[in-house]
Protein backbone atom coordinates (compact mmCIF):
# COMPACT_ATOMS: atom_id res chain seq x y z
CA UNK A 1 -10.88 -13.47 12.93
CA UNK A 2 -7.56 -11.85 11.25
CA UNK A 3 -4.40 -12.48 12.63
CA UNK A 4 -1.24 -10.40 11.92
CA UNK A 5 2.01 -11.79 12.32
CA UNK A 6 5.01 -9.46 11.74
CA UNK A 7 7.99 -11.61 10.41
CA UNK A 8 11.38 -10.36 9.14
CA UNK A 9 13.09 -12.53 6.45
CA UNK A 10 15.26 -10.24 5.11
CA UNK A 11 18.02 -12.44 5.24
CA UNK A 12 16.68 -14.97 2.75
CA UNK A 13 13.49 -13.67 1.05
CA UNK A 14 14.30 -10.06 1.03
CA UNK A 15 10.84 -9.30 2.54
CA UNK A 16 10.81 -7.04 5.73
CA UNK A 17 7.03 -7.75 7.09
CA UNK A 18 4.14 -10.18 6.02
CA UNK A 19 0.68 -10.23 7.42
CA UNK A 20 -1.01 -13.96 7.72
CA UNK A 21 -4.74 -13.77 7.35
CA UNK A 22 -6.53 -16.71 8.63
CA UNK A 23 -9.80 -17.72 7.45
CA UNK A 24 -10.04 -14.91 4.69
CA UNK A 25 -9.28 -13.90 1.52
CA UNK A 26 -6.24 -12.43 0.13
CA UNK A 27 -4.88 -10.63 -2.64
CA UNK A 28 -2.67 -12.20 -5.39
CA UNK A 29 -0.22 -14.48 -3.52
CA UNK A 30 3.09 -14.81 -5.01
CA UNK A 31 4.99 -18.34 -5.22
CA UNK A 32 7.69 -17.05 -2.95
CA UNK A 33 5.03 -15.83 -0.25
CA UNK A 34 3.34 -19.33 -0.60
CA UNK A 35 6.56 -20.75 0.20
CA UNK A 36 7.57 -18.42 3.40
CA UNK A 37 3.98 -19.81 4.36
CA UNK A 38 4.43 -23.21 4.39
CA UNK A 39 7.78 -22.57 5.97
CA UNK A 40 5.84 -20.84 8.95
CA UNK A 41 3.24 -23.21 9.31
CA UNK A 42 3.63 -26.55 7.80
CA UNK A 43 0.26 -27.66 9.53
CA UNK A 44 -1.83 -25.65 8.89
CA UNK A 45 -3.18 -23.38 5.47
CA UNK A 46 -2.55 -19.56 5.48
CA UNK A 47 -3.33 -16.75 3.21
CA UNK A 48 -1.35 -13.88 3.16
CA UNK A 49 -1.28 -10.28 2.15
CA UNK A 50 1.20 -7.39 1.62
CA UNK A 51 0.53 -5.28 4.65
CA UNK A 52 1.81 -1.67 5.88
CA UNK A 53 1.96 -2.11 9.48
CA UNK A 54 2.66 1.50 10.21
CA UNK A 55 -0.33 2.27 8.84
CA UNK A 56 -2.68 0.03 10.86
């Protein structure tokens, strides 16, 4: 299953949108994005991937 979550972290990380992929493979993960994921859900493991919400 793929869960896509739209997150706005422009104030701190200058990232407008993220996709959180659960139970799947992701492309290369940046350390900053890893930190964001840990901040979102400290109790679970997530893989994230750059995503264009307008095209999906």
